[in-house]
Amino acid sequence: MQSEVDLLKQRITELEARKAELEVKNAEIPELRKKLAEVEARNGKLIKQIMEENNRRDAKIKNTTDRVAKLEQKQLLNDNAPNNNSSDFNSGKNHHEKSLEDKEIDAFLIDVYKKSISDEIRQHNKEKTIQHEIDVQDDASGPACITGIVAIVNNLDELGS
């Protein structure tokens, strides 16, 4: 009889351990349900966004298709219409030569452009020379250095003029 009692006590211990495991799992169920609801809500939002994007894309495709159809129709009308300009294309009647005034304006604009580029190059070279002089005299201090830099700038200005 004692062994039977021991077996029952052992079985009770096993069942209590199993009960504890099931209680832990049951505690997880509300958390999992909450997470599932969040995922379903997010999926609903994403599905709605995808449907809106698809509708916009479909509308854009329809618009593009309509425009292509209209352009094809215009092209077909243009192809069927008599074309008087094609015979004149190679005849030289529509050939445009620049007038003397246009050529002079073009030459003037080119000269102005070249001068502006030259001025930019000169200015860049001045700045480069000044920077070089400052770097060379970097160890020097006092008014002699500043006076030297001012003299260099003045000389460059005179050369540029």
Protein backbone atom coordinates (compact mmCIF):
# COMPACT_ATOMS: atom_id res chain seq x y z
CA MET A 1 0.00 0.00 0.00
CA GLN A 2 2.88 2.33 0.75
CA SER A 3 4.26 1.94 -2.76
CA GLU A 4 0.85 2.77 -4.18
CA VAL A 5 0.77 6.00 -2.13
CA ASP A 6 4.28 6.84 -3.33
CA LEU A 7 3.23 6.26 -6.94
CA LEU A 8 0.21 8.54 -6.47
CA LYS A 9 2.39 11.26 -4.89
CA GLN A 10 4.79 10.98 -7.80
CA ARG A 11 1.91 11.23 -10.25
CA ILE A 12 0.56 14.30 -8.40
CA THR A 13 4.00 15.97 -8.66
CA GLU A 14 4.13 15.24 -12.39
CA LEU A 15 0.64 16.64 -12.90
CA GLU A 16 1.48 19.77 -10.89
CA ALA A 17 4.59 20.33 -13.07
CA ARG A 18 2.48 19.87 -16.20
CA LYS A 19 -0.10 22.29 -14.80
CA ALA A 20 2.62 24.92 -14.23
CA GLU A 21 3.82 24.51 -17.85
CA LEU A 22 0.28 24.95 -19.17
CA GLU A 23 -0.26 28.04 -17.02
CA VAL A 24 2.88 29.64 -18.51
CA LYS A 25 1.63 28.85 -22.02
CA ASN A 26 -1.83 30.19 -21.18
CA ALA A 27 -0.26 33.44 -19.96
CA GLU A 28 1.33 33.88 -23.39
CA ILE A 29 -1.98 33.57 -25.25
CA PRO A 30 -3.29 37.13 -24.55
CA GLU A 31 0.08 38.58 -25.59
CA LEU A 32 0.04 36.60 -28.81
CA ARG A 33 -3.54 37.64 -29.51
CA LYS A 34 -2.56 41.30 -29.05
CA LYS A 35 0.40 40.91 -31.41
CA LEU A 36 -1.83 39.16 -33.95
CA ALA A 37 -4.33 42.03 -33.82
CA GLU A 38 -1.50 44.55 -34.38
CA VAL A 39 -0.16 42.59 -37.35
CA GLU A 40 -3.64 42.29 -38.85
CA ALA A 41 -4.20 46.05 -38.45
CA ARG A 42 -0.85 46.82 -40.08
CA ASN A 43 -1.63 44.39 -42.91
CA GLY A 44 -4.98 46.12 -43.43
CA LYS A 45 -3.23 49.51 -43.74
CA LEU A 46 -0.65 48.09 -46.13
CA ILE A 47 -3.32 46.45 -48.27
CA LYS A 48 -5.19 49.76 -48.42
CA GLN A 49 -2.00 51.60 -49.46
CA ILE A 50 -1.22 48.98 -52.11
CA MET A 51 -4.73 49.22 -53.49
CA GLU A 52 -4.48 53.04 -53.66
CA GLU A 53 -1.11 52.82 -55.40
CA ASN A 54 -2.49 50.25 -57.83
CA ASN A 55 -5.46 52.52 -58.60
CA ARG A 56 -3.14 55.48 -59.21
CA ARG A 57 -0.90 53.35 -61.41
CA ASP A 58 -3.89 52.00 -63.34
CA ALA A 59 -5.20 55.54 -63.87
CA LYS A 60 -1.77 56.66 -65.06
CA ILE A 61 -1.55 53.68 -67.42
CA LYS A 62 -5.03 54.44 -68.78
CA ASN A 63 -4.10 58.10 -69.24
CA THR A 64 -0.90 57.14 -71.03
CA THR A 65 -2.74 54.60 -73.19
CA ASP A 66 -5.32 57.25 -74.13
CA ARG A 67 -2.57 59.73 -75.01
CA VAL A 68 -0.76 57.13 -77.12
CA ALA A 69 -3.99 56.31 -78.94
CA LYS A 70 -4.61 60.01 -79.64
CA LEU A 71 -1.04 60.46 -80.87
CA GLU A 72 -1.33 57.41 -83.11
CA GLN A 73 -4.58 58.79 -84.49
CA LYS A 74 -2.93 62.17 -85.19
CA GLN A 75 0.01 60.44 -86.82
CA LEU A 76 -2.34 58.42 -88.97
CA LEU A 77 -4.13 61.62 -90.01
CA ASN A 78 -0.80 63.30 -90.77
CA ASP A 79 0.37 60.31 -92.78
CA ASN A 80 -2.81 60.35 -94.86
CA ALA A 81 -2.78 64.13 -95.43
CA PRO A 82 -0.98 65.41 -98.52
CA ASN A 83 2.46 66.62 -97.59
CA ASN A 84 3.58 69.56 -99.70
CA ASN A 85 6.62 70.33 -97.58
CA SER A 86 8.48 67.10 -98.28
CA SER A 87 9.18 68.05 -101.88
CA ASP A 88 10.63 71.39 -100.78
CA PHE A 89 12.86 69.84 -98.15
CA ASN A 90 15.82 69.07 -100.38
CA SER A 91 15.21 71.81 -102.95
CA GLY A 92 16.95 74.48 -100.91
CA LYS A 93 14.00 76.86 -100.76
CA ASN A 94 13.76 76.59 -96.96
CA HIS A 95 17.50 76.58 -96.38
CA HIS A 96 18.38 79.31 -93.92
CA GLU A 97 21.69 81.09 -94.16
CA LYS A 98 22.81 83.51 -91.49
CA SER A 99 22.71 87.14 -92.41
CA LEU A 100 25.78 89.32 -92.10
CA GLU A 101 24.27 90.98 -89.03
CA ASP A 102 23.75 87.57 -87.34
CA LYS A 103 27.33 86.60 -88.14
CA GLU A 104 28.60 89.86 -86.63
CA ILE A 105 26.51 89.34 -83.49
CA ASP A 106 27.84 85.79 -83.16
CA ALA A 107 31.43 87.00 -83.53
CA PHE A 108 30.85 89.72 -80.93
CA LEU A 109 29.32 87.26 -78.46
CA ILE A 110 32.25 84.87 -78.96
CA ASP A 111 34.73 87.71 -78.29
CA VAL A 112 32.86 88.74 -75.13
CA TYR A 113 32.84 85.15 -73.94
CA LYS A 114 36.57 84.72 -74.59
CA LYS A 115 37.30 87.97 -72.72
CA SER A 116 35.27 86.86 -69.71
CA ILE A 117 37.15 83.54 -69.63
CA SER A 118 40.48 85.37 -69.88
CA ASP A 119 39.48 87.68 -67.03
CA GLU A 120 38.53 84.69 -64.89
CA ILE A 121 41.89 83.04 -65.60
CA ARG A 122 43.76 86.24 -64.72
CA GLN A 123 41.81 86.62 -61.49
CA HIS A 124 42.50 83.00 -60.58
CA ASN A 125 46.22 83.46 -61.27
CA LYS A 126 46.28 86.62 -59.11
CA GLU A 127 44.65 84.77 -56.23
CA LYS A 128 47.05 81.87 -56.68
CA THR A 129 50.10 84.20 -56.66
CA ILE A 130 48.89 86.02 -53.54
CA GLN A 131 48.25 82.73 -51.78
CA HIS A 132 51.74 81.53 -52.74
CA GLU A 133 53.33 84.72 -51.39
CA ILE A 134 51.35 84.40 -48.16
CA ASP A 135 52.48 80.79 -47.80
CA VAL A 136 56.14 81.74 -48.43
CA GLN A 137 56.06 84.57 -45.91
CA ASP A 138 53.94 82.64 -43.43
CA ASP A 139 56.75 82.53 -40.83
CA ALA A 140 57.33 86.25 -41.11
CA SER A 141 55.31 88.43 -38.80
CA GLY A 142 54.59 92.06 -38.23
CA PRO A 143 53.78 94.98 -40.50
CA ALA A 144 56.59 94.19 -42.97
CA CYS A 145 54.72 91.06 -44.05
CA ILE A 146 51.42 92.90 -44.50
CA THR A 147 53.15 95.72 -46.38
CA GLY A 148 54.76 93.17 -48.68
CA ILE A 149 51.42 91.52 -49.43
CA VAL A 150 49.80 94.88 -50.14
CA ALA A 151 52.65 95.73 -52.51
CA ILE A 152 52.22 92.41 -54.33
CA VAL A 153 48.47 92.98 -54.71
CA ASN A 154 49.08 96.50 -56.02
CA ASN A 155 51.65 95.23 -58.51
CA LEU A 156 49.26 92.56 -59.73
CA ASP A 157 46.49 95.10 -60.12
CA GLU A 158 48.78 97.31 -62.19
CA LEU A 159 49.80 94.34 -64.35
CA GLY A 160 46.19 93.31 -64.89
CA SER A 161 45.09 96.77 -65.97
